[in-house]
Amino acid sequence: MYLLHWLLSRVNDKMVENQSVFNVEEAQAVMRHISELNKSLVTGEKEKHDLLMVSETFNLQKLYNLFFKTWFSFLMMFSALKHTKHTC
């Protein structure tokens, strides 16, 4: 974001100081830089989203594993208690 601000400030400074317009090559260069910055921002946001999704999925998987381990332990304990009552 800082780079975009810097680039636009430079464009503004040139316009104010020289009271002139950009030539075609300069205008194209500015547009290329803005396009590259936009792509970088979009890519960074997508990567951030992807990392958050992986993290969320991993945490859900850990939660499921904990639930099933706890449930299995409960069933084993219940089965052992039921078996103990029948043998006594």
N, C-alpha and C. Protein backbone atom coordinates (compact mmCIF):
# COMPACT_ATOMS: atom_id res chain seq x y z
N MET A 1 0.83 -1.18 0.00
CA MET A 1 0.00 0.00 0.00
C MET A 1 0.88 1.25 0.00
N TYR A 2 1.97 1.19 0.73
CA TYR A 2 2.89 2.33 0.79
C TYR A 2 3.44 2.64 -0.59
N LEU A 3 3.77 1.59 -1.35
CA LEU A 3 4.32 1.78 -2.69
C LEU A 3 3.32 2.47 -3.61
N LEU A 4 2.08 2.09 -3.52
CA LEU A 4 1.05 2.73 -4.34
C LEU A 4 0.92 4.21 -3.98
N HIS A 5 0.92 4.51 -2.70
CA HIS A 5 0.84 5.90 -2.25
C HIS A 5 2.04 6.70 -2.78
N TRP A 6 3.21 6.11 -2.69
CA TRP A 6 4.43 6.77 -3.18
C TRP A 6 4.32 7.05 -4.68
N LEU A 7 3.88 6.05 -5.43
CA LEU A 7 3.76 6.20 -6.88
C LEU A 7 2.77 7.30 -7.23
N LEU A 8 1.63 7.31 -6.59
CA LEU A 8 0.63 8.33 -6.89
C LEU A 8 1.11 9.72 -6.44
N SER A 9 1.87 9.79 -5.37
CA SER A 9 2.44 11.07 -4.94
C SER A 9 3.41 11.61 -5.98
N ARG A 10 4.22 10.71 -6.53
CA ARG A 10 5.17 11.12 -7.58
C ARG A 10 4.43 11.64 -8.81
N VAL A 11 3.36 10.98 -9.19
CA VAL A 11 2.57 11.44 -10.34
C VAL A 11 2.00 12.82 -10.03
N ASN A 12 1.44 12.98 -8.84
CA ASN A 12 0.88 14.27 -8.46
C ASN A 12 1.95 15.37 -8.45
N ASP A 13 3.13 15.08 -7.89
CA ASP A 13 4.21 16.06 -7.85
C ASP A 13 4.60 16.51 -9.25
N LYS A 14 4.71 15.56 -10.16
CA LYS A 14 5.09 15.91 -11.54
C LYS A 14 4.03 16.81 -12.17
N MET A 15 2.78 16.47 -11.92
CA MET A 15 1.70 17.27 -12.50
C MET A 15 1.70 18.69 -11.93
N VAL A 16 1.92 18.83 -10.62
CA VAL A 16 1.89 20.13 -9.98
C VAL A 16 3.10 20.96 -10.36
N GLU A 17 4.29 20.35 -10.30
CA GLU A 17 5.53 21.09 -10.56
C GLU A 17 5.66 21.54 -12.01
N ASN A 18 5.40 20.67 -12.92
CA ASN A 18 5.64 20.97 -14.33
C ASN A 18 4.43 21.55 -15.04
N GLN A 19 3.28 21.45 -14.41
CA GLN A 19 2.06 21.88 -15.08
C GLN A 19 1.97 21.27 -16.48
N SER A 20 2.38 20.01 -16.54
CA SER A 20 2.37 19.36 -17.85
C SER A 20 1.70 18.01 -17.73
N VAL A 21 1.52 17.40 -18.83
CA VAL A 21 0.93 16.06 -18.87
C VAL A 21 2.04 15.05 -19.12
N PHE A 22 1.74 13.81 -18.87
CA PHE A 22 2.71 12.75 -19.13
C PHE A 22 2.69 12.42 -20.61
N ASN A 23 3.86 11.99 -21.08
CA ASN A 23 3.86 11.47 -22.45
C ASN A 23 3.32 10.04 -22.40
N VAL A 24 3.12 9.44 -23.54
CA VAL A 24 2.50 8.12 -23.62
C VAL A 24 3.30 7.07 -22.87
N GLU A 25 4.62 7.08 -23.02
CA GLU A 25 5.46 6.08 -22.35
C GLU A 25 5.37 6.21 -20.83
N GLU A 26 5.40 7.44 -20.33
CA GLU A 26 5.31 7.65 -18.88
C GLU A 26 3.95 7.21 -18.35
N ALA A 27 2.90 7.54 -19.07
CA ALA A 27 1.56 7.14 -18.64
C ALA A 27 1.41 5.62 -18.64
N GLN A 28 1.96 4.98 -19.67
CA GLN A 28 1.90 3.52 -19.73
C GLN A 28 2.70 2.89 -18.59
N ALA A 29 3.85 3.48 -18.27
CA ALA A 29 4.68 2.97 -17.17
C ALA A 29 3.93 3.09 -15.84
N VAL A 30 3.27 4.22 -15.63
CA VAL A 30 2.49 4.40 -14.40
C VAL A 30 1.37 3.37 -14.33
N MET A 31 0.67 3.17 -15.42
CA MET A 31 -0.43 2.19 -15.44
C MET A 31 0.09 0.77 -15.21
N ARG A 32 1.26 0.44 -15.76
CA ARG A 32 1.85 -0.89 -15.51
C ARG A 32 2.15 -1.06 -14.03
N HIS A 33 2.74 -0.04 -13.41
CA HIS A 33 3.07 -0.11 -11.99
C HIS A 33 1.80 -0.28 -11.14
N ILE A 34 0.78 0.47 -11.47
CA ILE A 34 -0.48 0.36 -10.72
C ILE A 34 -1.07 -1.03 -10.91
N SER A 35 -1.03 -1.54 -12.12
CA SER A 35 -1.55 -2.89 -12.39
C SER A 35 -0.76 -3.95 -11.62
N GLU A 36 0.57 -3.82 -11.60
CA GLU A 36 1.41 -4.77 -10.86
C GLU A 36 1.12 -4.72 -9.36
N LEU A 37 0.95 -3.51 -8.85
CA LEU A 37 0.63 -3.36 -7.43
C LEU A 37 -0.72 -3.98 -7.11
N ASN A 38 -1.69 -3.77 -7.97
CA ASN A 38 -3.01 -4.35 -7.77
C ASN A 38 -2.93 -5.88 -7.77
N LYS A 39 -2.18 -6.44 -8.71
CA LYS A 39 -2.02 -7.90 -8.76
C LYS A 39 -1.36 -8.42 -7.48
N SER A 40 -0.37 -7.70 -6.99
CA SER A 40 0.31 -8.11 -5.76
C SER A 40 -0.65 -8.10 -4.57
N LEU A 41 -1.46 -7.06 -4.50
CA LEU A 41 -2.42 -6.96 -3.40
C LEU A 41 -3.45 -8.08 -3.48
N VAL A 42 -3.96 -8.34 -4.67
CA VAL A 42 -4.96 -9.40 -4.85
C VAL A 42 -4.35 -10.75 -4.52
N THR A 43 -3.14 -11.00 -5.02
CA THR A 43 -2.46 -12.27 -4.75
C THR A 43 -2.21 -12.44 -3.26
N GLY A 44 -1.76 -11.38 -2.61
CA GLY A 44 -1.52 -11.44 -1.16
C GLY A 44 -2.78 -11.73 -0.38
N GLU A 45 -3.89 -11.13 -0.77
CA GLU A 45 -5.16 -11.40 -0.10
C GLU A 45 -5.62 -12.83 -0.33
N LYS A 46 -5.42 -13.34 -1.56
CA LYS A 46 -5.81 -14.72 -1.85
C LYS A 46 -4.96 -15.69 -1.02
N GLU A 47 -3.64 -15.43 -0.95
CA GLU A 47 -2.77 -16.30 -0.16
C GLU A 47 -3.17 -16.26 1.31
N LYS A 48 -3.49 -15.08 1.81
CA LYS A 48 -3.93 -14.95 3.20
C LYS A 48 -5.21 -15.76 3.42
N HIS A 49 -6.16 -15.64 2.50
CA HIS A 49 -7.42 -16.39 2.61
C HIS A 49 -7.15 -17.90 2.59
N ASP A 50 -6.28 -18.33 1.66
CA ASP A 50 -5.97 -19.76 1.56
C ASP A 50 -5.33 -20.28 2.85
N LEU A 51 -4.42 -19.50 3.44
CA LEU A 51 -3.78 -19.91 4.69
C LEU A 51 -4.80 -19.99 5.82
N LEU A 52 -5.72 -19.04 5.88
CA LEU A 52 -6.75 -19.08 6.90
C LEU A 52 -7.65 -20.30 6.73
N MET A 53 -7.97 -20.64 5.49
CA MET A 53 -8.81 -21.82 5.24
C MET A 53 -8.09 -23.10 5.66
N VAL A 54 -6.80 -23.20 5.37
CA VAL A 54 -6.03 -24.38 5.77
C VAL A 54 -5.99 -24.47 7.29
N SER A 55 -5.75 -23.35 7.94
CA SER A 55 -5.70 -23.32 9.40
C SER A 55 -7.04 -23.72 10.00
N GLU A 56 -8.12 -23.19 9.44
CA GLU A 56 -9.46 -23.51 9.94
C GLU A 56 -9.77 -24.99 9.76
N THR A 57 -9.43 -25.52 8.60
CA THR A 57 -9.65 -26.94 8.32
C THR A 57 -8.85 -27.80 9.28
N PHE A 58 -7.60 -27.44 9.52
CA PHE A 58 -6.74 -28.19 10.44
C PHE A 58 -7.33 -28.17 11.85
N ASN A 59 -7.80 -27.01 12.31
CA ASN A 59 -8.39 -26.92 13.64
C ASN A 59 -9.66 -27.73 13.75
N LEU A 60 -10.49 -27.74 12.70
CA LEU A 60 -11.70 -28.57 12.72
C LEU A 60 -11.33 -30.05 12.77
N GLN A 61 -10.30 -30.43 12.04
CA GLN A 61 -9.88 -31.83 12.05
C GLN A 61 -9.42 -32.23 13.45
N LYS A 62 -8.67 -31.34 14.12
CA LYS A 62 -8.24 -31.64 15.48
C LYS A 62 -9.45 -31.78 16.41
N LEU A 63 -10.45 -30.92 16.22
CA LEU A 63 -11.65 -30.98 17.05
C LEU A 63 -12.40 -32.29 16.82
N TYR A 64 -12.54 -32.69 15.55
CA TYR A 64 -13.20 -33.97 15.24
C TYR A 64 -12.44 -35.13 15.88
N ASN A 65 -11.14 -35.13 15.76
CA ASN A 65 -10.34 -36.21 16.34
C ASN A 65 -10.52 -36.28 17.85
N LEU A 66 -10.51 -35.13 18.50
CA LEU A 66 -10.71 -35.10 19.95
C LEU A 66 -12.09 -35.64 20.31
N PHE A 67 -13.11 -35.23 19.57
CA PHE A 67 -14.47 -35.70 19.83
C PHE A 67 -14.55 -37.22 19.70
N PHE A 68 -14.03 -37.75 18.60
CA PHE A 68 -14.15 -39.19 18.39
C PHE A 68 -13.31 -39.98 19.39
N LYS A 69 -12.15 -39.48 19.76
CA LYS A 69 -11.35 -40.16 20.79
C LYS A 69 -12.09 -40.16 22.12
N THR A 70 -12.70 -39.04 22.47
CA THR A 70 -13.44 -38.95 23.72
C THR A 70 -14.64 -39.87 23.69
N TRP A 71 -15.37 -39.86 22.58
CA TRP A 71 -16.55 -40.71 22.45
C TRP A 71 -16.15 -42.18 22.51
N PHE A 72 -15.08 -42.56 21.85
CA PHE A 72 -14.62 -43.94 21.86
C PHE A 72 -14.21 -44.35 23.29
N SER A 73 -13.52 -43.45 24.00
CA SER A 73 -13.12 -43.74 25.38
C SER A 73 -14.35 -43.94 26.26
N PHE A 74 -15.36 -43.08 26.06
CA PHE A 74 -16.59 -43.21 26.83
C PHE A 74 -17.26 -44.55 26.55
N LEU A 75 -17.34 -44.95 25.28
CA LEU A 75 -17.96 -46.23 24.94
C LEU A 75 -17.19 -47.40 25.55
N MET A 76 -15.88 -47.33 25.51
CA MET A 76 -15.07 -48.41 26.09
C MET A 76 -15.28 -48.49 27.60
N MET A 77 -15.32 -47.33 28.26
CA MET A 77 -15.53 -47.30 29.70
C MET A 77 -16.93 -47.81 30.04
N PHE A 78 -17.93 -47.40 29.28
CA PHE A 78 -19.30 -47.85 29.50
C PHE A 78 -19.41 -49.36 29.30
N SER A 79 -18.75 -49.85 28.26
CA SER A 79 -18.77 -51.28 27.98
C SER A 79 -18.10 -52.06 29.11
N ALA A 80 -16.99 -51.53 29.63
CA ALA A 80 -16.29 -52.19 30.73
C ALA A 80 -17.16 -52.20 31.99
N LEU A 81 -17.83 -51.09 32.26
CA LEU A 81 -18.71 -51.03 33.43
C LEU A 81 -19.87 -51.99 33.28
N LYS A 82 -20.45 -52.07 32.10
CA LYS A 82 -21.59 -52.96 31.84
C LYS A 82 -21.14 -54.41 32.02
N HIS A 83 -19.95 -54.71 31.50
CA HIS A 83 -19.41 -56.06 31.60
C HIS A 83 -19.12 -56.42 33.07
N THR A 84 -18.62 -55.45 33.85
CA THR A 84 -18.30 -55.67 35.25
C THR A 84 -19.57 -55.96 36.05
N LYS A 85 -20.66 -55.29 35.77
CA LYS A 85 -21.93 -55.50 36.47
C LYS A 85 -22.47 -56.89 36.23
N HIS A 86 -22.31 -57.41 35.01
CA HIS A 86 -22.83 -58.74 34.69
C HIS A 86 -22.02 -59.87 35.32
N THR A 87 -20.75 -59.63 35.56
CA THR A 87 -19.91 -60.68 36.12
C THR A 87 -19.98 -60.73 37.63
N CYS A 88 -20.47 -59.67 38.26
CA CYS A 88 -20.53 -59.66 39.73
C CYS A 88 -21.75 -60.30 40.27
